[in-house]
Amino acid sequence: MVSVWSNGVCWSMSLTVCLSSALLSLLNAFIFIVVTVPREAEWTLVLTGTMPTTNRKKQGGDTAVQGTNDSSVVSKVSAAAQGYFHDVFLQHFVCKAARRAPLINRGYYVRWRAVDYCVRRFLLVTDGCPRRQILSLGAGFDSAYFRLHADEALDRAVVFEVDFPDVARRKAALIKSNNTLRGMLDPHLPSRTGPEYVASSRYHLLGVDVREESRVEEALGAAGLDWAAPTLILSEVVLTYMEAKWSDAVISWTAKLLPQSLFVMYEQIRPLDPFGRIMQDHFLKLNSTLHALLQYPDTAAQRHRFLDKGWEQCVCLDMNDFYVGLVPEEERGRVESLEPFDEYEEWHQKCSHYFILTASRGALMTQALLSPAPVSSVPSICPSWSPSALSVQTLPVGVEGLGMASTWVSPGQVLLTGGSSRGGRGPVARTLLWGQKGWRSVRVEPAVDLGVRLYHTATPLPGGGVVVYGGRSSPLNPIRGLFRVTLDTLGPPAPHDSEGRDPVKLCVAQMVCTGDPPAPRWRHTATTVSHKGKDFVVVFGGKNESEAAVGDACFLCPDQQHWTQIPVEGSAPEARHTHSACSYQGGMVVFGGLDRRGSPLGDTALLRPTDRGFSWERVEVQPPPVPRYSHSAHVIGEKLLVVGGVWLHSDGVPGVVVIDLTTRSSVEFSLDTTSVPWPLMLHSFCSELTDSEEPQLLLIGGGGNCFSFGTHFNPQPVTVDLGPALG
């Protein structure tokens, strides 16, 4: 039995469950190391050879890097098992399969798809060559050889894999002890010589540190690599774990030694925005520092890096560009229908922090480069930037949550409902109270259970009270109840540091409405409008378990508790979700959102009241604002202020765009977050305008699940000084 501790729990397991009898005979020569990988893999058993005692710091880092291989292959197995791609060989390289979250599965799908796309393109371009080669650096437990061999795609091709001796030894043992894998090699393998752990006519597995150029060159030459033959060099999240001087050296010597070659690299970028900071911290905790990030922080820097190191041409795309531009729409639709999914912000941010790169040497290899300008729905945006940045300050009160809804219910009282936090999801509401000693947070137990809900709306009514509508408890369970909420004050506000009774009481009444209700939804908007002196709440857009985005506008008369039909003329904006809508001149102004194809929108539309009902009007803003979704918005006079959100190519914290609805012009303002000690993630958050003399925005909650790097919550509200934006 082997016991390992994870998150305070002792897990015991029999080795015979995980290891074949052939491997058991090797146990005396090996030790077990437990590599902890937060969230993505709670624990993984790593079988390694006994390490020498010299240079312990370097070897400790190398061992941690080797651990990333183990967690990665488990995630790939999960994605394959859910149908994201077909690979029956990966399962032979894991001890125990585990199902990952949909976000992890999608992330490993796009990684697999990008690398496979480049490999297949290379094999197609070199189809007429008498010999071609794939050289995989830091191959880990990759199953590409076995998959390509089964597809009969390796005609006149040889695969060479290079990794740390410990990793190569473990992989060789797994291959030789598995009938399926061993059956795809030559029936009589020669005895092991030097660093070559597996030698077959089409597959060679070598245990060499790729930083040691002379040893790698010698080992590859001895294994039969043809330096003049067309060669694909594959580096899948490998070089970034080396110090930049070593990874630069690898890029240089491959260009020097292989004159007819294509280098394919998949790695991380954008280290300095909030997602990038969390990504860096994650790998630091694993003792697997991402060394090249600061020196080569974006796709342009990576491209110049390869051109400077001897490569003739280079194309580098982040994974948003690759997914939208080079994955066919039909295939995207298939992938997106595999599992319930509602983590768009995290998906797009993950894709904006990884890239796929191809660099070529020789005329033939230029044909295998990625398309430099793929057909993409990501528009070219050139916003007008203000030289002034808006100051951001933290408030000394602890409030966190994703997918909450907020609204003012009285002067000095902001109601927060729903959402998810470190404590989970629950029906408990909270109020933020403003008093003489500043802000404080109070939990409020509602008289009627509002239910667990995220991405719902809380709409203040002109006559008092708040309508809480929609949301979801899971991507398969939209919330159908409609509630009217009022907040009663029980007495004077308690002292700032008081732990006595709550100063407010939440009164909740379910609204039983007549008429035809809209389809259940979340990520919608619900906005107060006026028609012929009567107030309505118009529900627009959103998504549900069956529709990627909806585009209808449905009117609720709250006084009569009736869903009614009001004529709406003009061309309605396209269907969308996670957009913003603000009351404006009796109607509303809509901005941004995510369309049915998953592309951010940057358009502005007005719903204006008319004699017969309402009419849609498109607003052409110049220069066009940066498209975004999962933002918030407010109208002050004739200005629409849009704050935060997610944009596919965001570099840093999204700021505030001010759209003048009279002149139809826009100006973007960046945010000065130097006084905020933690990464400020401005999506899935709430915002309210304060009543202070100096105009400010109060931003509450926000954050997200940062792929496999952990979930981040903004722990405190912040305020944004709007003075420079409002003139």
Foldseek 3Di string as FASTA:
>chain_A
DDWDDFPRDIDDDDVVLQDPPLVVVVVVQWDWDWFAFPPLDRIAIAIFGDDDPPPVLVVLLQVLVLVVLQSLLLLQVQLCVLPLDPDPPSVLVGRDHDHHDLLSSVLSSLLVVLVVLLVLLLLVLCVPPQAEEEEEEQCQLDPVVVVCVVVVSQVRYAYEYEHALGRLQVNLSSQVSDPSNVVSFPPDWDDDDDQWSGQGPRYTYGHDHLLPPVVVVVVCVVSPDDQAHEYEYEAEAHLQLDAPVSSLVSLQVNLVRRQFYKYKYKHFAQLPFQLNVLVQVSCVVSSRGRRCHVVQHAQVSVQVSNVVSRFDGKAKDFSLCCCFFPPDLVSVVVSCPSDQDDFLQLSLVSSLTMMIMMTGHDDSCVSSGDDNHGDGPADDADAAADPDFWEKFFDPEFFAWFQWEWDDQDAQKIKIAAGADPVGTAQWIKIWGQDPVGTYIDIADAPDRPGHFGQWYWEADPVGWTKTAWGANGLQGIDHWIKTKHKAAPDPDDDPPDPDDHRIHIYIDTQDADDDDDDGFGLWDWEWADAPRAIWTWIAKGAHNPALMDGDIWIARVVRRYTDDADEAEDGDATFGQWEWYDDARWIKTAWGAHRSRAIGQWIWTWAADNRGTYIDTQQAPPGDQGFGQWYWYDDPQKIKIAFGDHSNDNHTAGIKIARNVVRYIYGHHHDCPNPPHNDHGGSWYWDWHPDPQTKIKIGHDWAQNNSSGTDISGTIMIIGCVVVVD
